[in-house]
C-alpha atoms as a PDB file:
ATOM      1  CA  UNK A   1       0.000   0.000   0.000  1.00  0.00           C
ATOM      2  CA  UNK A   2       1.164   3.514  -0.791  1.00  0.00           C
ATOM      3  CA  UNK A   3      -0.132   7.104  -0.808  1.00  0.00           C
ATOM      4  CA  UNK A   4      -2.995   7.540  -3.267  1.00  0.00           C
ATOM      5  CA  UNK A   5      -4.463   4.055  -2.717  1.00  0.00           C
ATOM      6  CA  UNK A   6      -8.133   3.629  -1.826  1.00  0.00           C
ATOM      7  CA  UNK A   7      -8.578   1.394   1.236  1.00  0.00           C
ATOM      8  CA  UNK A   8     -11.370   0.023   3.438  1.00  0.00           C
ATOM      9  CA  UNK A   9     -10.967   0.313   7.203  1.00  0.00           C
ATOM     10  CA  UNK A  10     -11.437  -3.020   8.985  1.00  0.00           C
ATOM     11  CA  UNK A  11     -11.187  -1.838  12.616  1.00  0.00           C
ATOM     12  CA  UNK A  12     -13.561   0.555  14.394  1.00  0.00           C
ATOM     13  CA  UNK A  13     -11.962   3.517  16.170  1.00  0.00           C
ATOM     14  CA  UNK A  14     -13.510   6.491  17.973  1.00  0.00           C
ATOM     15  CA  UNK A  15     -16.114   7.769  15.476  1.00  0.00           C
ATOM     16  CA  UNK A  16     -14.430   6.050  12.532  1.00  0.00           C
ATOM     17  CA  UNK A  17     -16.526   3.017  11.552  1.00  0.00           C
ATOM     18  CA  UNK A  18     -15.243  -0.257  10.158  1.00  0.00           C
ATOM     19  CA  UNK A  19     -16.096  -0.578   6.478  1.00  0.00           C
ATOM     20  CA  UNK A  20     -15.513   3.121   5.726  1.00  0.00           C
ATOM     21  CA  UNK A  21     -13.509   4.001   2.612  1.00  0.00           C
ATOM     22  CA  UNK A  22     -10.411   6.167   2.884  1.00  0.00           C
ATOM     23  CA  UNK A  23      -7.457   7.462   0.874  1.00  0.00           C
ATOM     24  CA  UNK A  24      -3.918   6.956   2.092  1.00  0.00           C
ATOM     25  CA  UNK A  25      -2.114  10.286   1.986  1.00  0.00           C
ATOM     26  CA  UNK A  26       1.024   9.523   4.007  1.00  0.00           C
ATOM     27  CA  UNK A  27       2.996   6.484   5.148  1.00  0.00           C
ATOM     28  CA  UNK A  28       5.935   6.151   7.481  1.00  0.00           C
ATOM     29  CA  UNK A  29       7.819   3.487   9.382  1.00  0.00           C
ATOM     30  CA  UNK A  30       8.413   3.537  13.097  1.00  0.00           C
ATOM     31  CA  UNK A  31      11.753   2.627  14.581  1.00  0.00           C
ATOM     32  CA  UNK A  32      10.049   0.366  17.116  1.00  0.00           C
ATOM     33  CA  UNK A  33       9.413  -3.336  16.494  1.00  0.00           C
ATOM     34  CA  UNK A  34      11.579  -3.551  13.413  1.00  0.00           C
ATOM     35  CA  UNK A  35       9.900  -0.802  11.379  1.00  0.00           C
ATOM     36  CA  UNK A  36       6.122  -1.034  11.717  1.00  0.00           C
ATOM     37  CA  UNK A  37       4.361   0.751   8.813  1.00  0.00           C
ATOM     38  CA  UNK A  38       1.796   3.387   9.778  1.00  0.00           C
ATOM     39  CA  UNK A  39      -0.702   4.797   7.262  1.00  0.00           C
ATOM     40  CA  UNK A  40      -2.273   8.242   7.632  1.00  0.00           C
ATOM     41  CA  UNK A  41      -5.664   8.199   5.884  1.00  0.00           C
ATOM     42  CA  UNK A  42      -8.505  10.598   5.040  1.00  0.00           C
ATOM     43  CA  UNK A  43     -11.984   9.084   5.409  1.00  0.00           C
ATOM     44  CA  UNK A  44     -14.454   9.636   2.567  1.00  0.00           C
ATOM     45  CA  UNK A  45     -17.846  11.054   3.545  1.00  0.00           C
ATOM     46  CA  UNK A  46     -16.996  11.684   7.226  1.00  0.00           C
ATOM     47  CA  UNK A  47     -16.328  15.192   8.526  1.00  0.00           C
ATOM     48  CA  UNK A  48     -15.319  16.797  11.799  1.00  0.00           C
ATOM     49  CA  UNK A  49     -18.388  18.013  13.683  1.00  0.00           C
ATOM     50  CA  UNK A  50     -19.751  21.294  12.288  1.00  0.00           C
ATOM     51  CA  UNK A  51     -17.110  21.634   9.557  1.00  0.00           C
ATOM     52  CA  UNK A  52     -16.328  20.466   6.060  1.00  0.00           C
ATOM     53  CA  UNK A  53     -12.903  19.207   7.183  1.00  0.00           C
ATOM     54  CA  UNK A  54     -12.579  15.443   6.560  1.00  0.00           C
ATOM     55  CA  UNK A  55     -11.799  13.018   9.368  1.00  0.00           C
ATOM     56  CA  UNK A  56      -8.299  11.596   9.325  1.00  0.00           C
ATOM     57  CA  UNK A  57      -6.681   8.764  11.223  1.00  0.00           C
ATOM     58  CA  UNK A  58      -3.582   6.619  11.570  1.00  0.00           C
ATOM     59  CA  UNK A  59      -3.857   2.885  11.003  1.00  0.00           C
ATOM     60  CA  UNK A  60      -1.559  -0.116  10.834  1.00  0.00           C
ATOM     61  CA  UNK A  61      -1.449  -2.292   7.716  1.00  0.00           C
ATOM     62  CA  UNK A  62      -3.562  -5.011   9.348  1.00  0.00           C
ATOM     63  CA  UNK A  63      -6.406  -2.508   9.903  1.00  0.00           C
ATOM     64  CA  UNK A  64      -6.722  -1.660   6.192  1.00  0.00           C
ATOM     65  CA  UNK A  65      -7.857  -3.602   3.133  1.00  0.00           C
ATOM     66  CA  UNK A  66      -6.697  -2.441  -0.310  1.00  0.00           C
ATOM     67  CA  UNK A  67      -9.574  -1.545  -2.666  1.00  0.00           C
ATOM     68  CA  UNK A  68      -7.584  -0.037  -5.553  1.00  0.00           C
END
Protein backbone atom coordinates (compact mmCIF):
# COMPACT_ATOMS: atom_id res chain seq x y z
CA UNK A 1 0.00 0.00 0.00
CA UNK A 2 1.16 3.51 -0.79
CA UNK A 3 -0.13 7.10 -0.81
CA UNK A 4 -2.99 7.54 -3.27
CA UNK A 5 -4.46 4.06 -2.72
CA UNK A 6 -8.13 3.63 -1.83
CA UNK A 7 -8.58 1.39 1.24
CA UNK A 8 -11.37 0.02 3.44
CA UNK A 9 -10.97 0.31 7.20
CA UNK A 10 -11.44 -3.02 8.98
CA UNK A 11 -11.19 -1.84 12.62
CA UNK A 12 -13.56 0.55 14.39
CA UNK A 13 -11.96 3.52 16.17
CA UNK A 14 -13.51 6.49 17.97
CA UNK A 15 -16.11 7.77 15.48
CA UNK A 16 -14.43 6.05 12.53
CA UNK A 17 -16.53 3.02 11.55
CA UNK A 18 -15.24 -0.26 10.16
CA UNK A 19 -16.10 -0.58 6.48
CA UNK A 20 -15.51 3.12 5.73
CA UNK A 21 -13.51 4.00 2.61
CA UNK A 22 -10.41 6.17 2.88
CA UNK A 23 -7.46 7.46 0.87
CA UNK A 24 -3.92 6.96 2.09
CA UNK A 25 -2.11 10.29 1.99
CA UNK A 26 1.02 9.52 4.01
CA UNK A 27 3.00 6.48 5.15
CA UNK A 28 5.94 6.15 7.48
CA UNK A 29 7.82 3.49 9.38
CA UNK A 30 8.41 3.54 13.10
CA UNK A 31 11.75 2.63 14.58
CA UNK A 32 10.05 0.37 17.12
CA UNK A 33 9.41 -3.34 16.49
CA UNK A 34 11.58 -3.55 13.41
CA UNK A 35 9.90 -0.80 11.38
CA UNK A 36 6.12 -1.03 11.72
CA UNK A 37 4.36 0.75 8.81
CA UNK A 38 1.80 3.39 9.78
CA UNK A 39 -0.70 4.80 7.26
CA UNK A 40 -2.27 8.24 7.63
CA UNK A 41 -5.66 8.20 5.88
CA UNK A 42 -8.50 10.60 5.04
CA UNK A 43 -11.98 9.08 5.41
CA UNK A 44 -14.45 9.64 2.57
CA UNK A 45 -17.85 11.05 3.55
CA UNK A 46 -17.00 11.68 7.23
CA UNK A 47 -16.33 15.19 8.53
CA UNK A 48 -15.32 16.80 11.80
CA UNK A 49 -18.39 18.01 13.68
CA UNK A 50 -19.75 21.29 12.29
CA UNK A 51 -17.11 21.63 9.56
CA UNK A 52 -16.33 20.47 6.06
CA UNK A 53 -12.90 19.21 7.18
CA UNK A 54 -12.58 15.44 6.56
CA UNK A 55 -11.80 13.02 9.37
CA UNK A 56 -8.30 11.60 9.33
CA UNK A 57 -6.68 8.76 11.22
CA UNK A 58 -3.58 6.62 11.57
CA UNK A 59 -3.86 2.89 11.00
CA UNK A 60 -1.56 -0.12 10.83
CA UNK A 61 -1.45 -2.29 7.72
CA UNK A 62 -3.56 -5.01 9.35
CA UNK A 63 -6.41 -2.51 9.90
CA UNK A 64 -6.72 -1.66 6.19
CA UNK A 65 -7.86 -3.60 3.13
CA UNK A 66 -6.70 -2.44 -0.31
CA UNK A 67 -9.57 -1.54 -2.67
CA UNK A 68 -7.58 -0.04 -5.55
